[in-house]
Amino acid sequence: MKLNKQLKQVGEAKDRGMIKWQGMMLTEHVRLIKEWREEDNQVPVPELNEWDLQAIQEELELSIKRKCEVQIQIWKDSKFHYHTGSMEGIDFKTKSITYSDSSGLHRLPVNQIISITQMN
């Protein structure tokens, strides 16, 4: 008896899943499905009120004074990104913060920051 690796047991019936539909999919359909899935994974920009901005500013100032390890959450390209490092300073001209990690110094724009959390 030949074993078919594509068959999956679904209830009492054996099913091939998406394999049976692959021949009917056009490249345009595949591209549209991928775009649709990417849109589902997008996160809308969080609305920060004055209290949130004040909390971010206080955490930022405190972490710069202590030179402690922080986790910075930013929103970029409809996704949340996380950066971990030691706070170095604020550049008021470029409106960015500077932090360092094992790979060197990095800059992040202040308007992308959602939260700052001290790790220590």
N, C-alpha and C. Protein backbone atom coordinates (compact mmCIF):
# COMPACT_ATOMS: atom_id res chain seq x y z
N MET A 1 0.83 -1.16 0.00
CA MET A 1 0.00 0.00 0.00
C MET A 1 0.89 1.24 0.00
N LYS A 2 0.62 2.18 -0.88
CA LYS A 2 1.39 3.41 -1.01
C LYS A 2 0.87 4.46 -0.04
N LEU A 3 1.79 5.09 0.72
CA LEU A 3 1.41 6.15 1.65
C LEU A 3 1.47 7.49 0.93
N ASN A 4 0.45 8.30 1.08
CA ASN A 4 0.41 9.62 0.47
C ASN A 4 0.61 10.64 1.58
N LYS A 5 1.72 11.39 1.52
CA LYS A 5 2.06 12.33 2.59
C LYS A 5 1.13 13.54 2.61
N GLN A 6 0.47 13.83 1.48
CA GLN A 6 -0.40 15.00 1.42
C GLN A 6 -1.75 14.78 2.08
N LEU A 7 -2.14 13.53 2.26
CA LEU A 7 -3.45 13.25 2.83
C LEU A 7 -3.45 13.50 4.33
N LYS A 8 -4.49 14.15 4.81
CA LYS A 8 -4.65 14.40 6.24
C LYS A 8 -5.97 13.81 6.68
N GLN A 9 -5.98 13.27 7.87
CA GLN A 9 -7.20 12.68 8.41
C GLN A 9 -8.07 13.79 8.98
N VAL A 10 -9.23 14.03 8.39
CA VAL A 10 -10.19 15.02 8.86
C VAL A 10 -11.47 14.26 9.15
N GLY A 11 -11.72 14.02 10.43
CA GLY A 11 -12.87 13.20 10.79
C GLY A 11 -12.63 11.77 10.30
N GLU A 12 -13.58 11.24 9.56
CA GLU A 12 -13.41 9.90 9.00
C GLU A 12 -12.92 9.93 7.57
N ALA A 13 -12.84 11.13 6.97
CA ALA A 13 -12.41 11.25 5.58
C ALA A 13 -10.96 11.70 5.51
N LYS A 14 -10.29 11.26 4.47
CA LYS A 14 -8.92 11.72 4.22
C LYS A 14 -9.01 12.88 3.22
N ASP A 15 -8.30 13.97 3.55
CA ASP A 15 -8.42 15.19 2.76
C ASP A 15 -7.03 15.65 2.34
N ARG A 16 -6.95 16.28 1.17
CA ARG A 16 -5.67 16.81 0.68
C ARG A 16 -5.47 18.27 1.06
N GLY A 17 -6.40 18.90 1.77
CA GLY A 17 -6.23 20.28 2.20
C GLY A 17 -6.22 21.25 1.03
N MET A 18 -5.26 22.16 1.01
CA MET A 18 -5.17 23.19 -0.03
C MET A 18 -4.56 22.67 -1.32
N ILE A 19 -3.99 21.48 -1.32
CA ILE A 19 -3.34 20.96 -2.52
C ILE A 19 -4.33 20.84 -3.67
N LYS A 20 -5.55 20.47 -3.38
CA LYS A 20 -6.54 20.28 -4.44
C LYS A 20 -6.91 21.60 -5.13
N TRP A 21 -6.65 22.76 -4.47
CA TRP A 21 -7.01 24.05 -5.03
C TRP A 21 -5.83 24.77 -5.67
N GLN A 22 -4.63 24.27 -5.52
CA GLN A 22 -3.47 24.98 -6.02
C GLN A 22 -3.47 25.10 -7.54
N GLY A 23 -3.99 24.15 -8.24
CA GLY A 23 -4.01 24.21 -9.70
C GLY A 23 -4.96 25.28 -10.21
N MET A 24 -5.93 25.67 -9.42
CA MET A 24 -6.91 26.65 -9.85
C MET A 24 -6.50 28.08 -9.50
N MET A 25 -5.44 28.25 -8.72
CA MET A 25 -5.03 29.58 -8.26
C MET A 25 -4.16 30.25 -9.32
N LEU A 26 -4.54 31.44 -9.72
CA LEU A 26 -3.73 32.24 -10.62
C LEU A 26 -2.74 33.05 -9.80
N THR A 27 -1.67 33.50 -10.43
CA THR A 27 -0.67 34.28 -9.69
C THR A 27 -1.27 35.56 -9.13
N GLU A 28 -2.24 36.13 -9.83
CA GLU A 28 -2.90 37.33 -9.33
C GLU A 28 -3.67 37.03 -8.06
N HIS A 29 -4.30 35.86 -8.02
CA HIS A 29 -5.05 35.47 -6.82
C HIS A 29 -4.11 35.25 -5.64
N VAL A 30 -2.99 34.60 -5.89
CA VAL A 30 -2.02 34.34 -4.82
C VAL A 30 -1.50 35.67 -4.28
N ARG A 31 -1.19 36.63 -5.17
CA ARG A 31 -0.70 37.94 -4.74
C ARG A 31 -1.76 38.67 -3.91
N LEU A 32 -3.02 38.63 -4.36
CA LEU A 32 -4.08 39.30 -3.63
C LEU A 32 -4.31 38.66 -2.26
N ILE A 33 -4.21 37.34 -2.17
CA ILE A 33 -4.38 36.66 -0.89
C ILE A 33 -3.25 37.05 0.07
N LYS A 34 -2.00 37.14 -0.44
CA LYS A 34 -0.88 37.55 0.41
C LYS A 34 -1.07 38.98 0.90
N GLU A 35 -1.52 39.89 0.03
CA GLU A 35 -1.78 41.27 0.44
C GLU A 35 -2.89 41.33 1.49
N TRP A 36 -3.90 40.52 1.31
CA TRP A 36 -5.01 40.48 2.25
C TRP A 36 -4.55 40.02 3.63
N ARG A 37 -3.70 38.99 3.65
CA ARG A 37 -3.17 38.49 4.93
C ARG A 37 -2.28 39.54 5.59
N GLU A 38 -1.49 40.28 4.79
CA GLU A 38 -0.65 41.33 5.36
C GLU A 38 -1.49 42.45 5.94
N GLU A 39 -2.60 42.80 5.30
CA GLU A 39 -3.49 43.83 5.81
C GLU A 39 -4.11 43.39 7.14
N ASP A 40 -4.40 42.11 7.28
CA ASP A 40 -4.96 41.62 8.54
C ASP A 40 -3.97 41.73 9.69
N ASN A 41 -2.67 41.64 9.38
CA ASN A 41 -1.65 41.70 10.43
C ASN A 41 -1.28 43.14 10.80
N GLN A 42 -1.78 44.12 10.06
CA GLN A 42 -1.45 45.51 10.35
C GLN A 42 -2.17 45.99 11.61
N VAL A 43 -1.46 46.81 12.37
CA VAL A 43 -1.99 47.37 13.60
C VAL A 43 -2.21 48.87 13.37
N PRO A 44 -3.38 49.39 13.70
CA PRO A 44 -3.58 50.83 13.53
C PRO A 44 -2.70 51.63 14.50
N VAL A 45 -2.37 52.84 14.11
CA VAL A 45 -1.51 53.67 14.94
C VAL A 45 -2.21 53.95 16.28
N PRO A 46 -1.52 53.67 17.40
CA PRO A 46 -2.13 53.92 18.71
C PRO A 46 -2.26 55.42 18.98
N GLU A 47 -3.37 55.80 19.54
CA GLU A 47 -3.61 57.20 19.90
C GLU A 47 -3.11 57.42 21.33
N LEU A 48 -2.08 58.26 21.47
CA LEU A 48 -1.53 58.56 22.80
C LEU A 48 -2.11 59.88 23.30
N ASN A 49 -2.61 59.85 24.52
CA ASN A 49 -3.13 61.09 25.09
C ASN A 49 -2.01 61.79 25.88
N GLU A 50 -2.35 62.89 26.54
CA GLU A 50 -1.34 63.67 27.26
C GLU A 50 -0.71 62.88 28.41
N TRP A 51 -1.52 62.03 29.06
CA TRP A 51 -1.00 61.23 30.17
C TRP A 51 0.04 60.23 29.67
N ASP A 52 -0.23 59.61 28.54
CA ASP A 52 0.71 58.64 27.97
C ASP A 52 2.02 59.33 27.57
N LEU A 53 1.91 60.48 26.91
CA LEU A 53 3.11 61.22 26.50
C LEU A 53 3.92 61.68 27.71
N GLN A 54 3.24 62.09 28.76
CA GLN A 54 3.93 62.50 29.99
C GLN A 54 4.66 61.32 30.62
N ALA A 55 4.02 60.15 30.64
CA ALA A 55 4.65 58.95 31.20
C ALA A 55 5.89 58.55 30.38
N ILE A 56 5.80 58.65 29.05
CA ILE A 56 6.94 58.34 28.19
C ILE A 56 8.09 59.30 28.47
N GLN A 57 7.78 60.58 28.60
CA GLN A 57 8.81 61.58 28.87
C GLN A 57 9.49 61.33 30.21
N GLU A 58 8.72 61.00 31.24
CA GLU A 58 9.30 60.74 32.56
C GLU A 58 10.19 59.50 32.54
N GLU A 59 9.72 58.44 31.89
CA GLU A 59 10.54 57.22 31.79
C GLU A 59 11.82 57.49 31.02
N LEU A 60 11.71 58.29 29.97
CA LEU A 60 12.87 58.61 29.15
C LEU A 60 13.91 59.40 29.96
N GLU A 61 13.46 60.42 30.66
CA GLU A 61 14.38 61.23 31.46
C GLU A 61 15.03 60.41 32.57
N LEU A 62 14.24 59.58 33.23
CA LEU A 62 14.77 58.75 34.31
C LEU A 62 15.78 57.73 33.80
N SER A 63 15.49 57.12 32.67
CA SER A 63 16.40 56.10 32.13
C SER A 63 17.69 56.72 31.61
N ILE A 64 17.64 57.97 31.13
CA ILE A 64 18.86 58.64 30.70
C ILE A 64 19.73 58.97 31.91
N LYS A 65 19.12 59.44 33.00
CA LYS A 65 19.88 59.75 34.20
C LYS A 65 20.52 58.50 34.80
N ARG A 66 19.80 57.40 34.80
CA ARG A 66 20.30 56.16 35.40
C ARG A 66 21.19 55.35 34.45
N LYS A 67 21.13 55.65 33.16
CA LYS A 67 21.85 54.87 32.13
C LYS A 67 21.50 53.38 32.24
N CYS A 68 20.22 53.12 32.44
CA CYS A 68 19.79 51.75 32.65
C CYS A 68 19.29 51.12 31.35
N GLU A 69 19.12 49.83 31.38
CA GLU A 69 18.62 49.05 30.25
C GLU A 69 17.12 49.26 30.11
N VAL A 70 16.67 49.55 28.89
CA VAL A 70 15.25 49.78 28.65
C VAL A 70 14.79 49.00 27.42
N GLN A 71 13.49 48.77 27.38
CA GLN A 71 12.86 48.21 26.18
C GLN A 71 11.97 49.31 25.60
N ILE A 72 12.23 49.64 24.35
CA ILE A 72 11.50 50.71 23.68
C ILE A 72 10.57 50.08 22.66
N GLN A 73 9.29 50.41 22.77
CA GLN A 73 8.30 49.92 21.82
C GLN A 73 7.98 51.07 20.86
N ILE A 74 8.14 50.79 19.55
CA ILE A 74 7.81 51.81 18.55
C ILE A 74 6.78 51.25 17.59
N TRP A 75 6.09 52.15 16.91
CA TRP A 75 5.12 51.78 15.88
C TRP A 75 5.67 52.28 14.56
N LYS A 76 5.93 51.35 13.63
CA LYS A 76 6.48 51.70 12.33
C LYS A 76 5.95 50.72 11.30
N ASP A 77 5.56 51.22 10.16
CA ASP A 77 5.05 50.39 9.05
C ASP A 77 3.89 49.51 9.50
N SER A 78 2.99 50.06 10.28
CA SER A 78 1.78 49.38 10.75
C SER A 78 2.07 48.16 11.63
N LYS A 79 3.24 48.14 12.27
CA LYS A 79 3.61 47.05 13.16
C LYS A 79 4.34 47.61 14.37
N PHE A 80 4.30 46.86 15.46
CA PHE A 80 5.07 47.21 16.64
C PHE A 80 6.46 46.59 16.52
N HIS A 81 7.47 47.36 16.88
CA HIS A 81 8.85 46.89 16.90
C HIS A 81 9.41 47.16 18.29
N TYR A 82 10.30 46.31 18.75
CA TYR A 82 10.88 46.43 20.08
C TYR A 82 12.39 46.56 19.97
N HIS A 83 12.95 47.50 20.74
CA HIS A 83 14.39 47.72 20.79
C HIS A 83 14.81 47.69 22.25
N THR A 84 15.92 47.04 22.51
CA THR A 84 16.43 46.95 23.87
C THR A 84 17.85 47.49 23.90
N GLY A 85 18.13 48.34 24.87
CA GLY A 85 19.47 48.90 25.00
C GLY A 85 19.55 49.87 26.15
N SER A 86 20.69 50.51 26.27
CA SER A 86 20.94 51.48 27.33
C SER A 86 20.74 52.88 26.75
N MET A 87 19.94 53.70 27.43
CA MET A 87 19.64 55.05 26.95
C MET A 87 20.88 55.94 27.05
N GLU A 88 21.14 56.68 25.98
CA GLU A 88 22.30 57.56 25.94
C GLU A 88 21.90 59.03 26.00
N GLY A 89 20.86 59.43 25.26
CA GLY A 89 20.50 60.83 25.29
C GLY A 89 19.37 61.17 24.32
N ILE A 90 19.02 62.46 24.32
CA ILE A 90 17.97 62.98 23.45
C ILE A 90 18.61 64.04 22.56
N ASP A 91 18.32 64.00 21.27
CA ASP A 91 18.77 65.02 20.34
C ASP A 91 17.56 65.88 19.98
N PHE A 92 17.53 67.11 20.49
CA PHE A 92 16.37 67.98 20.30
C PHE A 92 16.29 68.53 18.87
N LYS A 93 17.43 68.63 18.19
CA LYS A 93 17.42 69.15 16.82
C LYS A 93 16.73 68.18 15.87
N THR A 94 17.07 66.90 15.99
CA THR A 94 16.49 65.90 15.09
C THR A 94 15.27 65.21 15.68
N LYS A 95 14.91 65.59 16.92
CA LYS A 95 13.78 64.99 17.63
C LYS A 95 13.89 63.47 17.67
N SER A 96 15.03 63.01 18.16
CA SER A 96 15.27 61.57 18.25
C SER A 96 15.98 61.24 19.55
N ILE A 97 15.92 59.97 19.92
CA ILE A 97 16.64 59.48 21.09
C ILE A 97 17.78 58.59 20.62
N THR A 98 18.78 58.48 21.46
CA THR A 98 19.93 57.64 21.15
C THR A 98 20.04 56.57 22.23
N TYR A 99 20.20 55.33 21.79
CA TYR A 99 20.43 54.23 22.73
C TYR A 99 21.52 53.35 22.18
N SER A 100 22.16 52.61 23.06
CA SER A 100 23.25 51.73 22.63
C SER A 100 22.93 50.30 23.05
N ASP A 101 23.34 49.38 22.20
CA ASP A 101 23.25 47.97 22.53
C ASP A 101 24.56 47.31 22.11
N SER A 102 24.59 46.00 22.02
CA SER A 102 25.82 45.29 21.71
C SER A 102 26.35 45.59 20.30
N SER A 103 25.47 46.08 19.40
CA SER A 103 25.93 46.35 18.03
C SER A 103 26.26 47.83 17.80
N GLY A 104 26.14 48.68 18.82
CA GLY A 104 26.52 50.09 18.67
C GLY A 104 25.42 51.05 19.04
N LEU A 105 25.58 52.31 18.57
CA LEU A 105 24.60 53.36 18.84
C LEU A 105 23.49 53.35 17.79
N HIS A 106 22.28 53.65 18.24
CA HIS A 106 21.13 53.69 17.34
C HIS A 106 20.29 54.91 17.67
N ARG A 107 19.58 55.41 16.66
CA ARG A 107 18.68 56.54 16.84
C ARG A 107 17.26 56.13 16.49
N LEU A 108 16.32 56.64 17.26
CA LEU A 108 14.90 56.41 16.99
C LEU A 108 14.17 57.74 17.05
N PRO A 109 13.29 58.01 16.08
CA PRO A 109 12.49 59.23 16.14
C PRO A 109 11.53 59.19 17.33
N VAL A 110 11.38 60.31 18.00
CA VAL A 110 10.54 60.38 19.19
C VAL A 110 9.08 60.14 18.84
N ASN A 111 8.63 60.57 17.66
CA ASN A 111 7.21 60.43 17.31
C ASN A 111 6.80 58.99 17.03
N GLN A 112 7.74 58.05 16.94
CA GLN A 112 7.41 56.64 16.75
C GLN A 112 7.31 55.88 18.06
N ILE A 113 7.75 56.47 19.17
CA ILE A 113 7.80 55.77 20.46
C ILE A 113 6.40 55.62 21.03
N ILE A 114 6.07 54.40 21.42
CA ILE A 114 4.78 54.09 22.06
C ILE A 114 4.96 53.91 23.55
N SER A 115 6.04 53.25 23.96
CA SER A 115 6.29 53.07 25.41
C SER A 115 7.76 52.79 25.65
N ILE A 116 8.19 53.11 26.86
CA ILE A 116 9.54 52.82 27.32
C ILE A 116 9.41 52.12 28.67
N THR A 117 10.07 50.96 28.80
CA THR A 117 10.00 50.18 30.03
C THR A 117 11.41 49.88 30.51
N GLN A 118 11.68 50.17 31.78
CA GLN A 118 12.99 49.86 32.35
C GLN A 118 13.10 48.37 32.60
N MET A 119 14.24 47.81 32.26
CA MET A 119 14.45 46.38 32.42
C MET A 119 15.04 46.04 33.78
N ASN A 120 15.71 46.98 34.43
CA ASN A 120 16.36 46.69 35.73
C ASN A 120 15.39 46.85 36.85
